[in-house]
Amino acid sequence: MFTFLKASLTNEKHTPRQLIQLEVPAKVAETQPSMEKKLEMRAFSFFYDKFRALGDISMQIPANHITAIIGPSGCGKSTLLRSINRMNDLVPRVRIQGQITLNGADIYGPGVDVVDLRRKVGMVFQRPNPFPKSVFDNVAFGPRLYGIGRRDGLDDIVHQALNQAALWDEVKDKLHQSAMALSGGQQQRLCIARALAVEPEVILMDEPASALDPVATLKIEELMQTLKETYTIIIVTHNMQQAARVSDFTAFMMIDRPDTRTGIMVEAGPTSQIFTNPKHKQTEDYVTGRFG
């Protein structure tokens, strides 16, 4: 059983959230009997100066599953995703309230090594962003940063990462050519391989296929299904069909009120439930295309 906190859409922003329990369908439990909690957000709020971008977000992310975050533009999906590896720390005058834990440890706690956190929680962006280096050097960048060289098995690490990203067969003869010469879909899988090379525990994907054609998108989606056997994946997507196809769990966010424009968590649960039997009308309206 997984616990989520739902936000009231009508109450003031400081109203306590109601705790609800969501049952995991039997067919999901059968395919993954061990439902270990990997990440947890509890009453997490995020501020850009005085603007409250996220309000009291609380949910659990199960290990070795794909969790999709959906919702209309501007509701804070990407802000939440970037908060999980503290990429928002790079933005001036930001602050947080509440807690995000990884393996039970507060990632915003004192003494946390942010560089190490970002190794454990990798990020894949909306558009492919390979470095202007060779294919090999792109994948080797992270391990080299941690002091791993060829004598330490760097070649094997690069091979394994490219193989995990389903790219090795396509680039094994191009390892020392520029990554910029690859197709868009290949570049995105290269960026995934680059994240995998440092052996993360969680992979964050911010609309990873939105800039790709349908064939490349299918390859990314198939890759995600393979990777979840080893990694916990969180994906932000505007594509409802994609969320329904690839994710095991789905979280729906929206803006609480037009005057505050704070992103809140409306509902979260197994993807089959969110898309076929949501508990909130706002969720039903969104997944069926009535708004958003």
Protein backbone atom coordinates (compact mmCIF):
# COMPACT_ATOMS: atom_id res chain seq x y z
CA MET A 1 0.00 0.00 0.00
CA PHE A 2 1.25 3.46 -0.86
CA THR A 3 0.37 6.69 0.93
CA PHE A 4 -0.23 9.97 -0.84
CA LEU A 5 -1.45 13.34 0.34
CA LYS A 6 -4.07 15.09 -1.76
CA ALA A 7 -4.51 18.85 -1.91
CA SER A 8 -7.83 20.58 -1.45
CA LEU A 9 -8.54 22.65 -4.54
CA THR A 10 -10.79 25.10 -2.76
CA ASN A 11 -9.23 25.70 0.63
CA GLU A 12 -6.57 28.26 1.45
CA LYS A 13 -3.02 27.21 0.77
CA HIS A 14 -2.15 26.64 4.42
CA THR A 15 -5.06 24.23 5.04
CA PRO A 16 -3.72 20.83 6.18
CA ARG A 17 -3.84 18.17 3.49
CA GLN A 18 -6.04 15.10 3.86
CA LEU A 19 -4.23 11.79 4.13
CA ILE A 20 -5.56 9.04 1.88
CA GLN A 21 -4.60 5.44 1.18
CA LEU A 22 -4.37 4.04 -2.34
CA GLU A 23 -4.43 0.29 -2.93
CA VAL A 24 -2.00 -1.13 -5.47
CA PRO A 25 -3.92 -3.29 -8.00
CA ALA A 26 -3.19 -6.99 -7.80
CA LYS A 27 -1.75 -7.15 -11.33
CA VAL A 28 0.82 -4.48 -10.41
CA ALA A 29 1.74 -6.26 -7.20
CA GLU A 30 2.18 -9.53 -9.11
CA THR A 31 4.69 -8.03 -11.53
CA GLN A 32 6.69 -6.31 -8.76
CA PRO A 33 6.05 -7.97 -5.39
CA SER A 34 8.63 -5.84 -3.56
CA MET A 35 7.33 -2.25 -3.47
CA GLU A 36 10.26 -0.52 -1.82
CA LYS A 37 9.95 3.23 -1.29
CA LYS A 38 12.80 5.06 -3.03
CA LEU A 39 11.85 8.73 -2.67
CA GLU A 40 9.40 10.59 -0.51
CA MET A 41 8.18 14.17 -0.59
CA ARG A 42 6.40 15.39 2.51
CA ALA A 43 4.74 18.81 2.63
CA PHE A 44 7.33 20.04 0.16
CA SER A 45 6.98 23.66 -0.93
CA PHE A 46 9.27 25.57 -3.25
CA PHE A 47 9.66 29.34 -3.49
CA TYR A 48 11.18 31.63 -6.09
CA ASP A 49 11.77 34.61 -3.80
CA LYS A 50 8.21 35.33 -2.54
CA PHE A 51 6.43 33.29 -5.23
CA ARG A 52 5.29 29.89 -3.99
CA ALA A 53 5.74 27.67 -7.03
CA LEU A 54 4.92 24.39 -5.26
CA GLY A 55 2.61 23.98 -2.31
CA ASP A 56 2.71 21.10 0.17
CA ILE A 57 3.57 18.33 -2.30
CA SER A 58 3.51 14.95 -0.59
CA MET A 59 3.91 11.58 -2.28
CA GLN A 60 6.02 8.45 -2.37
CA ILE A 61 7.99 7.15 -5.36
CA PRO A 62 8.35 3.34 -5.45
CA ALA A 63 11.67 1.83 -6.46
CA ASN A 64 12.11 0.14 -9.84
CA HIS A 65 8.96 1.61 -11.32
CA ILE A 66 8.21 4.43 -13.72
CA THR A 67 6.27 7.32 -12.19
CA ALA A 68 4.81 9.89 -14.59
CA ILE A 69 4.06 13.45 -13.50
CA ILE A 70 1.35 15.06 -15.62
CA GLY A 71 -0.49 18.37 -15.53
CA PRO A 72 -1.03 21.60 -17.48
CA SER A 73 1.82 23.94 -18.36
CA GLY A 74 2.97 26.14 -15.50
CA CYS A 75 1.82 23.87 -12.67
CA GLY A 76 5.38 23.17 -11.46
CA LYS A 77 6.09 19.70 -12.85
CA SER A 78 9.61 20.54 -13.99
CA THR A 79 10.26 22.55 -10.82
CA LEU A 80 9.37 19.48 -8.77
CA LEU A 81 11.55 17.24 -10.92
CA ARG A 82 14.55 19.56 -10.61
CA SER A 83 14.03 19.79 -6.86
CA ILE A 84 14.71 16.06 -6.57
CA ASN A 85 18.39 16.49 -7.50
CA ARG A 86 18.61 20.09 -6.26
CA MET A 87 19.21 21.53 -9.70
CA ASN A 88 17.06 24.47 -8.61
CA ASP A 89 19.86 25.42 -6.21
CA LEU A 90 21.47 27.13 -9.20
CA VAL A 91 18.61 29.66 -9.37
CA PRO A 92 19.03 32.82 -7.24
CA ARG A 93 16.76 33.47 -4.24
CA VAL A 94 15.07 30.09 -4.03
CA ARG A 95 14.08 28.36 -0.81
CA ILE A 96 12.16 25.29 0.26
CA GLN A 97 9.93 24.08 3.05
CA GLY A 98 9.20 20.49 3.89
CA GLN A 99 11.31 17.52 2.95
CA ILE A 100 12.42 15.26 0.13
CA THR A 101 14.12 12.03 1.15
CA LEU A 102 16.16 9.54 -0.86
CA ASN A 103 16.50 6.15 0.82
CA GLY A 104 15.15 7.83 3.96
CA ALA A 105 17.76 10.61 4.08
CA ASP A 106 16.79 14.28 3.66
CA ILE A 107 18.43 15.53 0.45
CA TYR A 108 18.23 19.12 1.75
CA GLY A 109 19.72 18.21 5.09
CA PRO A 110 22.92 19.79 6.48
CA GLY A 111 26.12 18.36 5.12
CA VAL A 112 24.57 16.82 2.01
CA ASP A 113 27.07 16.56 -0.85
CA VAL A 114 25.08 17.95 -3.78
CA VAL A 115 27.57 16.59 -6.33
CA ASP A 116 27.13 13.10 -4.91
CA LEU A 117 23.34 13.57 -4.85
CA ARG A 118 23.36 14.42 -8.56
CA ARG A 119 25.36 11.28 -9.22
CA LYS A 120 22.69 9.23 -7.48
CA VAL A 121 19.85 11.15 -9.17
CA GLY A 122 20.61 11.64 -12.85
CA MET A 123 18.78 14.02 -15.17
CA VAL A 124 17.77 13.76 -18.82
CA PHE A 125 16.44 16.97 -20.34
CA GLN A 126 13.73 17.77 -22.86
CA ARG A 127 16.13 18.34 -25.73
CA PRO A 128 19.26 16.24 -26.26
CA ASN A 129 22.27 18.10 -24.90
CA PRO A 130 25.40 16.13 -25.78
CA PHE A 131 28.71 17.81 -25.09
CA PRO A 132 30.69 18.95 -28.16
CA LYS A 133 32.98 15.99 -27.68
CA SER A 134 33.27 12.47 -29.04
CA VAL A 135 30.69 9.81 -28.23
CA PHE A 136 33.21 8.12 -25.93
CA ASP A 137 34.13 11.33 -24.11
CA ASN A 138 30.46 12.17 -23.53
CA VAL A 139 29.84 8.92 -21.69
CA ALA A 140 33.23 8.98 -19.96
CA PHE A 141 32.75 12.53 -18.66
CA GLY A 142 31.08 11.58 -15.37
CA PRO A 143 33.36 8.68 -14.44
CA ARG A 144 36.43 10.83 -15.20
CA LEU A 145 34.99 13.51 -12.92
CA TYR A 146 35.07 10.92 -10.14
CA GLY A 147 38.67 9.98 -10.92
CA ILE A 148 38.07 6.86 -13.00
CA GLY A 149 40.53 6.36 -15.85
CA ARG A 150 41.28 3.69 -18.41
CA ARG A 151 43.31 1.73 -15.89
CA ASP A 152 40.20 1.57 -13.70
CA GLY A 153 38.05 0.06 -16.45
CA LEU A 154 36.73 3.23 -18.10
CA ASP A 155 36.36 1.46 -21.47
CA ASP A 156 34.14 -1.18 -19.87
CA ILE A 157 32.04 1.48 -18.15
CA VAL A 158 31.44 3.30 -21.44
CA HIS A 159 30.59 0.06 -23.20
CA GLN A 160 28.16 -0.98 -20.48
CA ALA A 161 26.42 2.42 -20.37
CA LEU A 162 26.00 2.54 -24.15
CA ASN A 163 24.73 -1.02 -24.12
CA GLN A 164 22.21 -0.22 -21.37
CA ALA A 165 21.02 2.75 -23.41
CA ALA A 166 20.49 0.47 -26.43
CA LEU A 167 23.02 2.50 -28.41
CA TRP A 168 26.18 0.40 -28.51
CA ASP A 169 25.44 -1.41 -31.79
CA GLU A 170 24.74 1.92 -33.51
CA VAL A 171 27.85 3.78 -32.34
CA LYS A 172 30.51 1.14 -31.63
CA ASP A 173 32.33 2.19 -34.80
CA LYS A 174 31.83 5.90 -34.11
CA LEU A 175 33.12 6.17 -30.54
CA HIS A 176 35.71 8.78 -31.42
CA GLN A 177 33.49 10.79 -33.75
CA SER A 178 31.59 13.87 -32.63
CA ALA A 179 28.38 13.21 -30.72
CA MET A 180 26.87 16.16 -32.56
CA ALA A 181 26.78 14.04 -35.74
CA LEU A 182 24.29 11.58 -34.23
CA SER A 183 20.57 11.78 -34.92
CA GLY A 184 18.28 13.42 -32.36
CA GLY A 185 17.10 10.10 -30.99
CA GLN A 186 20.65 8.78 -30.78
CA GLN A 187 21.77 11.95 -29.00
CA GLN A 188 19.01 11.53 -26.41
CA ARG A 189 20.01 7.92 -25.77
CA LEU A 190 23.62 9.10 -25.53
CA CYS A 191 22.54 11.54 -22.81
CA ILE A 192 20.84 8.64 -21.03
CA ALA A 193 24.06 6.60 -21.35
CA ARG A 194 25.99 9.56 -19.92
CA ALA A 195 23.69 9.54 -16.89
CA LEU A 196 23.97 5.76 -16.51
CA ALA A 197 27.78 5.80 -16.60
CA VAL A 198 27.99 7.09 -13.01
CA GLU A 199 25.64 4.36 -11.76
CA PRO A 200 22.71 6.45 -10.49
CA GLU A 201 19.82 5.11 -8.44
CA VAL A 202 17.14 7.41 -9.89
CA ILE A 203 16.75 8.82 -13.40
CA LEU A 204 14.72 12.00 -13.89
CA MET A 205 13.36 12.61 -17.40
CA ASP A 206 11.86 15.97 -18.32
CA GLU A 207 9.79 15.32 -21.47
CA PRO A 208 12.62 13.22 -22.93
CA ALA A 209 10.83 12.47 -26.21
CA SER A 210 9.01 15.74 -26.93
CA ALA A 211 11.61 16.80 -29.52
CA LEU A 212 11.85 13.38 -31.18
CA ASP A 213 10.02 11.70 -34.07
CA PRO A 214 7.67 8.74 -33.37
CA VAL A 215 10.30 6.09 -34.16
CA ALA A 216 12.87 7.65 -31.81
CA THR A 217 10.15 8.15 -29.19
CA LEU A 218 9.29 4.46 -29.30
CA LYS A 219 12.93 3.54 -28.74
CA ILE A 220 13.12 5.82 -25.69
CA GLU A 221 9.92 4.31 -24.28
CA GLU A 222 11.15 0.76 -24.83
CA LEU A 223 14.44 1.71 -23.21
CA MET A 224 12.63 3.03 -20.14
CA GLN A 225 10.86 -0.30 -19.66
CA THR A 226 14.22 -2.07 -19.65
CA LEU A 227 15.92 0.45 -17.38
CA LYS A 228 13.27 0.29 -14.65
CA GLU A 229 14.50 -3.19 -13.80
CA THR A 230 17.61 -1.51 -12.39
CA TYR A 231 16.64 2.13 -11.83
CA THR A 232 13.77 4.19 -10.46
CA ILE A 233 12.46 6.49 -13.20
CA ILE A 234 10.41 9.68 -12.89
CA ILE A 235 9.18 11.25 -16.11
CA VAL A 236 7.44 14.56 -16.74
CA THR A 237 5.29 14.43 -19.85
CA HIS A 238 2.50 16.37 -21.54
CA ASN A 239 1.69 13.33 -23.68
CA MET A 240 -1.19 11.48 -22.03
CA GLN A 241 -0.79 8.48 -24.33
CA GLN A 242 2.88 8.25 -23.38
CA ALA A 243 2.12 8.43 -19.66
CA ALA A 244 -0.49 5.70 -20.04
CA ARG A 245 1.89 3.52 -22.08
CA VAL A 246 5.08 3.69 -20.07
CA SER A 247 4.30 4.48 -16.44
CA ASP A 248 3.30 2.27 -13.53
CA PHE A 249 2.22 5.20 -11.35
CA THR A 250 0.96 8.65 -12.29
CA ALA A 251 0.75 11.90 -10.33
CA PHE A 252 -1.50 14.71 -11.53
CA MET A 253 -0.63 18.32 -10.68
CA MET A 254 -2.44 21.56 -11.37
CA ILE A 255 -2.51 25.21 -10.26
CA ASP A 256 -4.47 25.76 -7.07
CA ARG A 257 -5.94 29.20 -7.92
CA PRO A 258 -5.39 31.74 -10.70
CA ASP A 259 -4.33 34.41 -8.21
CA THR A 260 -1.62 32.38 -6.47
CA ARG A 261 -0.60 30.03 -9.33
CA THR A 262 0.89 27.56 -6.87
CA GLY A 263 1.37 24.02 -8.15
CA ILE A 264 -0.29 21.34 -6.03
CA MET A 265 -0.66 17.57 -6.19
CA VAL A 266 -4.27 16.71 -6.92
CA GLU A 267 -4.11 12.95 -7.14
CA ALA A 268 -1.56 10.15 -7.43
CA GLY A 269 -1.85 6.42 -7.81
CA PRO A 270 -1.49 3.47 -10.17
CA THR A 271 -1.64 4.64 -13.78
CA SER A 272 -4.57 2.34 -14.57
CA GLN A 273 -6.58 4.00 -11.83
CA ILE A 274 -5.68 7.57 -12.79
CA PHE A 275 -6.66 7.03 -16.43
CA THR A 276 -9.75 4.84 -15.98
CA ASN A 277 -11.16 5.63 -12.54
CA PRO A 278 -9.70 8.88 -11.13
CA LYS A 279 -10.97 10.08 -7.78
CA HIS A 280 -11.20 13.77 -8.75
CA LYS A 281 -13.14 15.45 -11.52
CA GLN A 282 -10.16 17.70 -12.27
CA THR A 283 -8.08 14.60 -13.02
CA GLU A 284 -10.78 13.11 -15.24
CA ASP A 285 -11.17 16.39 -17.14
CA TYR A 286 -7.44 16.58 -17.76
CA VAL A 287 -6.78 13.00 -18.89
CA THR A 288 -9.81 13.10 -21.18
CA GLY A 289 -8.74 16.39 -22.76
CA ARG A 290 -11.46 18.63 -21.38
CA PHE A 291 -8.87 21.10 -20.13
CA GLY A 292 -5.12 21.57 -20.04
